[in-house]
Protein backbone atom coordinates (compact mmCIF):
# COMPACT_ATOMS: atom_id res chain seq x y z
CA UNK A 1 -13.36 -22.81 -17.63
CA UNK A 2 -11.18 -20.22 -17.95
CA UNK A 3 -9.25 -19.42 -21.21
CA UNK A 4 -5.57 -20.08 -22.08
CA UNK A 5 -3.57 -17.61 -20.48
CA UNK A 6 -6.47 -16.43 -17.78
CA UNK A 7 -5.20 -19.08 -15.61
CA UNK A 8 -4.30 -18.35 -11.79
CA UNK A 9 -1.33 -19.86 -12.77
CA UNK A 10 -0.81 -17.84 -16.07
CA UNK A 11 -1.41 -14.58 -14.42
CA UNK A 12 0.44 -11.98 -12.87
CA UNK A 13 4.23 -14.06 -13.79
CA UNK A 14 7.08 -12.45 -13.78
CA UNK A 15 10.08 -12.19 -15.93
CA UNK A 16 12.18 -14.94 -13.76
CA UNK A 17 8.69 -17.19 -13.60
CA UNK A 18 7.78 -16.68 -17.20
CA UNK A 19 9.08 -20.73 -18.09
CA UNK A 20 8.48 -22.21 -14.41
CA UNK A 21 5.69 -24.90 -13.75
CA UNK A 22 3.71 -23.81 -10.86
CA UNK A 23 2.35 -26.42 -8.92
CA UNK A 24 -1.32 -27.08 -7.81
CA UNK A 25 -2.51 -25.13 -4.93
CA UNK A 26 -3.75 -26.95 -1.76
CA UNK A 27 -4.91 -25.82 1.25
CA UNK A 28 -5.85 -27.08 4.40
CA UNK A 29 -9.11 -25.84 5.65
CA UNK A 30 -8.20 -26.91 9.67
CA UNK A 31 -4.93 -24.58 8.76
CA UNK A 32 -6.24 -21.80 6.64
CA UNK A 33 -7.24 -17.88 8.39
CA UNK A 34 -8.14 -15.04 6.36
CA UNK A 35 -6.45 -12.05 6.95
CA UNK A 36 -7.96 -8.77 6.62
CA UNK A 37 -5.43 -5.52 6.29
CA UNK A 38 -6.11 -1.69 6.47
CA UNK A 39 -10.17 -1.62 6.35
CA UNK A 40 -10.14 1.31 8.38
CA UNK A 41 -12.52 4.20 8.12
CA UNK A 42 -9.84 6.33 7.28
CA UNK A 43 -9.10 5.44 3.71
CA UNK A 44 -13.43 6.19 3.47
CA UNK A 45 -13.11 8.78 4.62
CA UNK A 46 -15.12 12.18 2.53
CA UNK A 47 -12.40 14.61 2.92
CA UNK A 48 -9.57 14.40 1.21
CA UNK A 49 -7.04 12.71 3.09
CA UNK A 50 -5.69 10.99 0.75
CA UNK A 51 -5.27 14.02 -1.73
CA UNK A 52 -6.16 15.43 -4.30
CA UNK A 53 -9.71 13.80 -5.31
CA UNK A 54 -9.31 13.79 -8.46
CA UNK A 55 -6.30 11.75 -7.91
CA UNK A 56 -7.73 8.62 -6.34
CA UNK A 57 -10.83 8.11 -8.40
CA UNK A 58 -9.90 4.59 -9.88
CA UNK A 59 -8.77 3.66 -6.03
CA UNK A 60 -12.29 5.12 -4.47
CA UNK A 61 -14.23 3.26 -6.81
CA UNK A 62 -12.03 -0.10 -7.13
CA UNK A 63 -12.90 0.27 -3.23
CA UNK A 64 -16.06 0.55 -3.46
CA UNK A 65 -17.45 -1.23 -6.28
CA UNK A 66 -14.07 -4.50 -6.17
CA UNK A 67 -12.45 -4.45 -2.71
CA UNK A 68 -15.16 -3.93 -0.16
CA UNK A 69 -17.81 -6.79 -2.12
CA UNK A 70 -15.30 -9.22 -2.08
CA UNK A 71 -13.77 -8.95 1.32
CA UNK A 72 -17.20 -9.24 2.45
CA UNK A 73 -17.93 -12.05 0.13
CA UNK A 74 -14.67 -13.63 2.05
CA UNK A 75 -15.10 -12.55 5.86
CA UNK A 76 -18.27 -14.26 5.14
CA UNK A 77 -17.06 -17.09 3.85
CA UNK A 78 -14.52 -18.06 6.66
CA UNK A 79 -16.98 -16.71 9.14
CA UNK A 80 -20.33 -19.50 8.24
CA UNK A 81 -17.47 -22.87 8.17
CA UNK A 82 -15.77 -21.89 11.44
CA UNK A 83 -12.43 -20.71 9.89
CA UNK A 84 -10.44 -18.11 11.60
CA UNK A 85 -10.79 -14.42 10.57
CA UNK A 86 -7.83 -11.84 11.27
CA UNK A 87 -8.04 -8.25 11.06
CA UNK A 88 -4.72 -5.87 11.25
CA UNK A 89 -5.03 -2.38 11.43
CA UNK A 90 -2.39 0.72 11.21
CA UNK A 91 -2.83 2.71 14.76
CA UNK A 92 -1.00 4.16 17.55
CA UNK A 93 -0.29 4.37 21.22
CA UNK A 94 0.39 7.75 21.32
CA UNK A 95 -1.28 10.76 20.42
CA UNK A 96 1.22 12.21 19.18
CA UNK A 97 2.85 9.21 17.23
CA UNK A 98 6.27 9.35 18.22
CA UNK A 99 5.63 5.58 18.50
CA UNK A 100 4.90 5.07 14.75
CA UNK A 101 7.92 3.45 13.09
CA UNK A 102 10.04 5.16 10.60
CA UNK A 103 8.22 4.57 7.23
CA UNK A 104 5.04 5.71 8.75
CA UNK A 105 6.73 8.90 9.66
CA UNK A 106 8.30 10.34 6.52
CA UNK A 107 7.14 13.09 4.59
CA UNK A 108 3.72 12.14 2.24
CA UNK A 109 1.32 9.74 1.76
CA UNK A 110 2.70 7.35 4.84
CA UNK A 111 2.41 10.50 7.13
CA UNK A 112 -1.20 9.54 8.33
CA UNK A 113 -1.52 9.91 12.29
CA UNK A 114 -3.83 7.09 13.81
CA UNK A 115 -4.37 6.85 17.27
CA UNK A 116 -5.79 3.94 17.99
CA UNK A 117 -8.76 5.25 20.01
CA UNK A 118 -10.31 7.53 16.92
CA UNK A 119 -13.08 6.72 14.68
CA UNK A 120 -10.84 7.11 12.03
CA UNK A 121 -7.91 4.16 12.71
CA UNK A 122 -10.88 1.49 13.09
CA UNK A 123 -12.45 -1.21 11.23
CA UNK A 124 -15.45 -0.53 8.41
CA UNK A 125 -19.01 -1.28 9.86
CA UNK A 126 -19.38 -3.62 7.16
CA UNK A 127 -16.98 -6.27 7.64
CA UNK A 128 -16.44 -5.04 11.88
CA UNK A 129 -14.00 -7.50 13.72
CA UNK A 130 -16.55 -10.01 15.81
CA UNK A 131 -15.74 -11.98 19.20
CA UNK A 132 -12.98 -14.03 19.69
CA UNK A 133 -11.98 -12.80 16.44
CA UNK A 134 -8.31 -11.62 16.51
CA UNK A 135 -7.09 -7.91 15.68
CA UNK A 136 -3.66 -6.84 15.55
CA UNK A 137 -2.46 -2.56 15.96
CA UNK A 138 0.68 -1.75 13.74
CA UNK A 139 2.89 0.84 13.81
CA UNK A 140 4.78 -1.24 10.82
CA UNK A 141 3.97 -2.07 7.25
CA UNK A 142 3.86 -5.72 8.18
CA UNK A 143 1.83 -6.81 10.18
CA UNK A 144 4.23 -9.59 11.60
CA UNK A 145 7.45 -7.19 11.85
CA UNK A 146 5.65 -5.00 14.63
CA UNK A 147 2.84 -7.68 16.22
CA UNK A 148 2.66 -10.73 17.54
CA UNK A 149 0.77 -12.53 15.09
CA UNK A 150 3.30 -14.53 13.99
CA UNK A 151 3.01 -16.73 17.23
CA UNK A 152 -0.80 -16.19 17.28
CA UNK A 153 -1.43 -18.22 13.75
CA UNK A 154 1.48 -20.25 15.28
CA UNK A 155 -0.01 -21.33 18.18
CA UNK A 156 -3.69 -21.70 16.28
CA UNK A 157 -2.28 -24.13 14.22
CA UNK A 158 -2.05 -21.26 11.40
CA UNK A 159 -0.09 -22.48 8.28
CA UNK A 160 -2.26 -21.25 4.93
CA UNK A 161 -2.79 -17.12 5.61
CA UNK A 162 -5.50 -15.78 2.51
CA UNK A 163 -3.94 -12.10 2.68
CA UNK A 164 -7.01 -8.93 1.63
CA UNK A 165 -7.10 -5.26 1.90
CA UNK A 166 -5.53 -2.15 1.30
CA UNK A 167 -2.30 -1.85 -0.02
CA UNK A 168 -1.62 -3.63 -2.49
CA UNK A 169 2.57 -2.45 -2.76
CA UNK A 170 2.40 -2.02 0.71
CA UNK A 171 1.01 -2.75 4.04
CA UNK A 172 -0.15 -5.74 1.79
CA UNK A 173 3.18 -6.28 -0.02
CA UNK A 174 5.62 -6.29 3.11
CA UNK A 175 3.19 -8.82 5.23
CA UNK A 176 3.29 -11.04 2.26
CA UNK A 177 7.08 -10.90 1.95
CA UNK A 178 7.42 -11.41 6.26
CA UNK A 179 4.84 -14.11 6.28
CA UNK A 180 6.68 -16.28 3.40
CA UNK A 181 10.10 -15.36 6.11
CA UNK A 182 8.53 -17.04 8.06
CA UNK A 183 7.33 -20.84 5.88
CA UNK A 184 3.71 -19.34 6.34
CA UNK A 185 2.42 -20.59 2.59
CA UNK A 186 -0.08 -17.24 1.05
CA UNK A 187 -2.01 -16.36 -1.04
CA UNK A 188 -2.96 -13.44 -1.99
CA UNK A 189 -6.89 -12.68 -3.44
CA UNK A 190 -5.97 -10.02 -6.21
CA UNK A 191 -9.78 -8.33 -6.23
CA UNK A 192 -9.68 -7.78 -2.62
CA UNK A 193 -6.50 -5.20 -2.71
CA UNK A 194 -6.22 -2.41 -4.31
CA UNK A 195 -3.24 0.41 -4.57
CA UNK A 196 -3.76 4.09 -5.73
CA UNK A 197 -3.07 3.17 -9.17
CA UNK A 198 -3.74 -0.12 -11.49
CA UNK A 199 -0.78 0.14 -12.48
CA UNK A 200 0.46 0.25 -8.96
CA UNK A 201 -1.64 -3.00 -7.87
CA UNK A 202 -1.06 -4.99 -10.90
CA UNK A 203 2.84 -4.29 -11.52
CA UNK A 204 3.27 -5.67 -7.02
CA UNK A 205 0.99 -8.76 -8.09
CA UNK A 206 4.02 -9.46 -10.63
CA UNK A 207 6.84 -9.12 -8.69
CA UNK A 208 5.55 -10.68 -5.36
CA UNK A 209 3.85 -13.74 -7.08
CA UNK A 210 4.68 -17.33 -7.52
CA UNK A 211 7.81 -16.38 -4.39
CA UNK A 212 6.45 -14.84 -1.23
CA UNK A 213 2.73 -16.18 -2.72
CA UNK A 214 -0.04 -17.23 -5.07
CA UNK A 215 -2.32 -14.92 -6.33
CA UNK A 216 -5.75 -15.77 -7.10
CA UNK A 217 -8.91 -14.16 -7.22
CA UNK A 218 -11.73 -14.63 -5.27
CA UNK A 219 -14.18 -17.77 -7.32
CA UNK A 220 -10.31 -19.14 -7.99
CA UNK A 221 -9.58 -19.20 -4.36
CA UNK A 222 -13.52 -20.43 -3.31
CA UNK A 223 -13.33 -22.83 -6.03
CA UNK A 224 -10.05 -24.41 -3.90
CA UNK A 225 -12.06 -24.19 -0.69
CA UNK A 226 -14.74 -26.01 -2.12
CA UNK A 227 -12.95 -28.81 -2.87
CA UNK A 228 -12.05 -29.13 0.46
CA UNK A 229 -15.29 -29.74 1.98
């Protein structure tokens, strides 16, 4: 039993929802899919592409010890039960990246050139997409804005979208907001996501929780899903 204040309904509450009564979460299994965002080789490379190693120590540790194991667990759970798994990845169609959106051309961290056919842009090996699993390629932060994912989800009868991946405060957040605007019921799995720092991760969860999505951890999500089996 969770201690008072440690339940998903109590965590990551922003000022706007301090006194809100949060309803129970209901997920219809036949209408629920998992969306894995930007779990690509570039972010797991041993190079210093991300910047100074010391600055990225939190991110690298969290990805290795928390996020990747939990994403593996989630993809395994959905696959074992025949529930759809979707992937989104950042990748440009041109070698020079001219087709990227403005947000991916600005100087700094976001300006990473990822041609679609290079190894760096591919999904990491231990969660790589299986046959018949949909992978959308985006040149935007939102997985909906720059792809036909909304239409695919609609065609497959998906209403509840469980989101995990990176970065919490960028592509995850942008996708979640787009999903909410398109009236998809969205869950973010907090311990299957990461940002560059713990502060950015937690702050973004507080911002998007209860309005654009519900934020749960893996155990809480699986408990709710198991109740439906």
